[in-house]
Protein backbone atom coordinates (compact mmCIF):
# COMPACT_ATOMS: atom_id res chain seq x y z
CA MET A 1 -74.41 -176.27 87.38
CA ASN A 2 -77.50 -178.45 87.25
CA PRO A 3 -80.21 -176.49 89.07
CA THR A 4 -83.80 -177.58 89.48
CA PHE A 5 -86.85 -175.37 89.88
CA THR A 6 -89.91 -175.56 92.04
CA VAL A 7 -92.86 -173.19 91.53
CA LYS A 8 -95.65 -173.24 94.08
CA SER A 9 -98.50 -171.13 95.32
CA PHE A 10 -98.22 -170.05 98.96
CA SER A 11 -100.64 -172.74 100.16
CA GLU A 12 -98.59 -175.43 98.39
CA LEU A 13 -95.31 -174.52 100.12
CA SER A 14 -94.00 -176.98 102.68
CA ASN A 15 -92.82 -175.69 106.04
CA VAL A 16 -89.23 -176.38 104.98
CA GLU A 17 -89.61 -174.49 101.68
CA LEU A 18 -91.22 -171.51 103.41
CA TYR A 19 -88.46 -171.44 106.02
CA GLU A 20 -85.72 -171.70 103.37
CA LEU A 21 -87.10 -168.91 101.18
CA LEU A 22 -87.64 -166.57 104.12
CA ARG A 23 -84.16 -167.38 105.46
CA LEU A 24 -82.57 -166.63 102.06
CA ARG A 25 -84.49 -163.37 101.68
CA SER A 26 -83.46 -162.32 105.20
CA GLU A 27 -79.82 -163.33 104.65
CA VAL A 28 -79.51 -161.06 101.63
CA PHE A 29 -82.04 -158.24 102.03
CA VAL A 30 -81.71 -157.68 105.78
CA VAL A 31 -78.25 -158.91 106.77
CA GLU A 32 -76.06 -158.53 103.65
CA GLN A 33 -77.66 -155.28 102.45
CA ASN A 34 -77.98 -153.99 106.03
CA CYS A 35 -81.58 -153.00 105.38
CA VAL A 36 -84.13 -153.03 108.14
CA PHE A 37 -87.56 -153.55 106.58
CA LEU A 38 -90.62 -155.73 107.00
CA ASP A 39 -90.13 -158.48 104.42
CA GLN A 40 -93.40 -160.20 105.28
CA ASP A 41 -95.70 -157.68 103.59
CA ASN A 42 -98.88 -159.80 103.26
CA LYS A 43 -98.29 -160.28 99.52
CA ASP A 44 -96.68 -163.73 99.72
CA GLN A 45 -100.05 -165.41 100.30
CA LYS A 46 -101.33 -164.18 96.91
CA CYS A 47 -98.19 -164.99 94.91
CA HIS A 48 -96.37 -167.92 93.39
CA HIS A 49 -92.88 -168.71 94.60
CA LEU A 50 -90.10 -169.82 92.27
CA MET A 51 -87.30 -171.61 94.07
CA LEU A 52 -84.00 -172.55 92.44
CA TRP A 53 -82.29 -175.55 94.00
CA GLU A 54 -78.81 -177.00 93.66
CA GLY A 55 -79.29 -180.37 95.29
CA GLU A 56 -80.85 -179.73 98.71
CA GLU A 57 -79.74 -176.08 98.86
CA MET A 58 -81.94 -173.18 97.79
CA VAL A 59 -79.60 -171.01 95.72
CA GLY A 60 -82.17 -168.58 94.28
CA TYR A 61 -85.70 -167.35 94.66
CA THR A 62 -88.24 -164.98 93.10
CA ARG A 63 -91.77 -164.00 94.01
CA LEU A 64 -94.17 -164.07 91.03
CA VAL A 65 -96.81 -161.41 91.61
CA PRO A 66 -100.22 -161.26 89.88
CA THR A 67 -101.52 -158.06 88.31
CA GLY A 68 -102.89 -155.44 90.66
CA LEU A 69 -101.00 -156.55 93.78
CA SER A 70 -97.77 -154.57 93.43
CA TYR A 71 -98.28 -152.94 90.03
CA GLN A 72 -100.90 -152.81 87.31
CA GLU A 73 -98.80 -155.39 85.45
CA ILE A 74 -97.57 -158.84 86.42
CA ALA A 75 -94.46 -158.45 88.58
CA ILE A 76 -91.36 -160.31 89.69
CA GLY A 77 -90.10 -159.41 93.13
CA ARG A 78 -87.76 -160.47 95.91
CA VAL A 79 -85.16 -161.58 93.36
CA VAL A 80 -82.35 -163.16 95.33
CA THR A 81 -79.43 -165.52 94.87
CA SER A 82 -77.46 -167.05 97.69
CA PRO A 83 -74.16 -165.25 98.36
CA ALA A 84 -72.44 -168.67 98.37
CA ALA A 85 -73.77 -169.45 94.88
CA ARG A 86 -72.99 -166.19 93.07
CA GLY A 87 -70.89 -166.02 89.94
CA LYS A 88 -72.29 -169.28 88.55
CA GLY A 89 -74.97 -167.86 86.26
CA TYR A 90 -77.87 -168.61 88.60
CA GLY A 91 -79.24 -165.06 88.42
CA ARG A 92 -79.81 -165.22 84.67
CA VAL A 93 -81.31 -168.72 84.83
CA LEU A 94 -83.52 -167.61 87.72
CA MET A 95 -84.86 -164.56 85.86
CA GLU A 96 -85.36 -166.40 82.56
CA LYS A 97 -87.37 -169.09 84.35
CA SER A 98 -89.30 -166.42 86.30
CA ILE A 99 -90.34 -164.64 83.10
CA GLU A 100 -91.38 -167.96 81.56
CA GLN A 101 -93.41 -168.94 84.62
CA CYS A 102 -95.11 -165.55 84.91
CA GLN A 103 -96.35 -165.97 81.35
CA ALA A 104 -97.45 -169.57 82.01
CA ILE A 105 -99.26 -168.78 85.29
CA PHE A 106 -100.69 -165.30 84.68
CA GLY A 107 -100.87 -165.17 80.87
CA SER A 108 -98.99 -163.15 78.30
CA GLY A 109 -98.36 -159.56 79.25
CA PRO A 110 -95.75 -157.08 80.40
CA ILE A 111 -93.81 -157.75 83.59
CA ARG A 112 -92.71 -154.93 85.92
CA ILE A 113 -89.91 -155.03 88.45
CA GLY A 114 -88.52 -152.57 90.97
CA ALA A 115 -84.81 -153.07 90.25
CA GLN A 116 -81.92 -152.00 92.42
CA THR A 117 -80.06 -149.59 90.16
CA TYR A 118 -76.72 -151.39 90.48
CA ALA A 119 -78.37 -154.30 88.56
CA LEU A 120 -79.74 -152.13 85.73
CA GLY A 121 -77.34 -153.63 83.17
CA PHE A 122 -78.23 -157.18 84.18
CA TYR A 123 -81.98 -156.62 83.85
CA SER A 124 -81.51 -154.70 80.58
CA SER A 125 -79.67 -157.73 79.16
CA LEU A 126 -82.84 -159.75 79.82
CA GLY A 127 -85.01 -157.29 77.89
CA PHE A 128 -86.25 -155.08 80.74
CA VAL A 129 -86.45 -151.36 79.94
CA ALA A 130 -86.15 -148.67 82.62
CA GLU A 131 -89.18 -146.43 83.16
CA GLY A 132 -89.41 -143.31 85.27
CA ASP A 133 -87.04 -141.84 87.79
CA THR A 134 -84.94 -143.57 90.39
CA TYR A 135 -86.39 -143.77 93.89
CA ASP A 136 -85.27 -144.73 97.35
CA GLU A 137 -86.73 -147.92 98.78
CA ASP A 138 -85.53 -148.79 102.26
CA GLY A 139 -82.29 -146.85 101.74
CA ILE A 140 -81.43 -148.50 98.40
CA GLU A 141 -81.76 -146.76 95.02
CA HIS A 142 -84.26 -148.47 92.69
CA ILE A 143 -85.84 -147.92 89.30
CA GLU A 144 -88.91 -149.53 87.76
CA MET A 145 -88.29 -151.63 84.66
CA VAL A 146 -90.70 -153.34 82.26
CA TRP A 147 -90.32 -156.45 80.09
CA LYS A 148 -92.72 -156.87 77.17
CA PRO A 149 -93.45 -160.12 75.34
């Protein structure tokens, strides 16, 4: 595993990068999870986009969200790894780099996520702490979690 990262604002994305990240999000969130929802929520334009590459293939992606757009805190959203690339440790590398980049881009502060509850253990292992009750988002159980520097 020798992944590389690209972090760009929306306006810096190439057409190919935008296509690849939207395709990956659709492959997992719409097709694999059988969840019909509007992925293009008009937040992408105000966010930074962290793309994890293995050669020419995008194997992971997160959306880095500034304060006040999704939550009061900085946020990480649309966390996704390619089904073909799972089991190789990409998820941990992706989240560690996302936390690092959130702090570099937006400044030091807590980071909030809306985690699918099946991944609670994974996010806890990265230092995220569950807050509040579980909730249904597009037919999938979630819980908010916060990471503090």
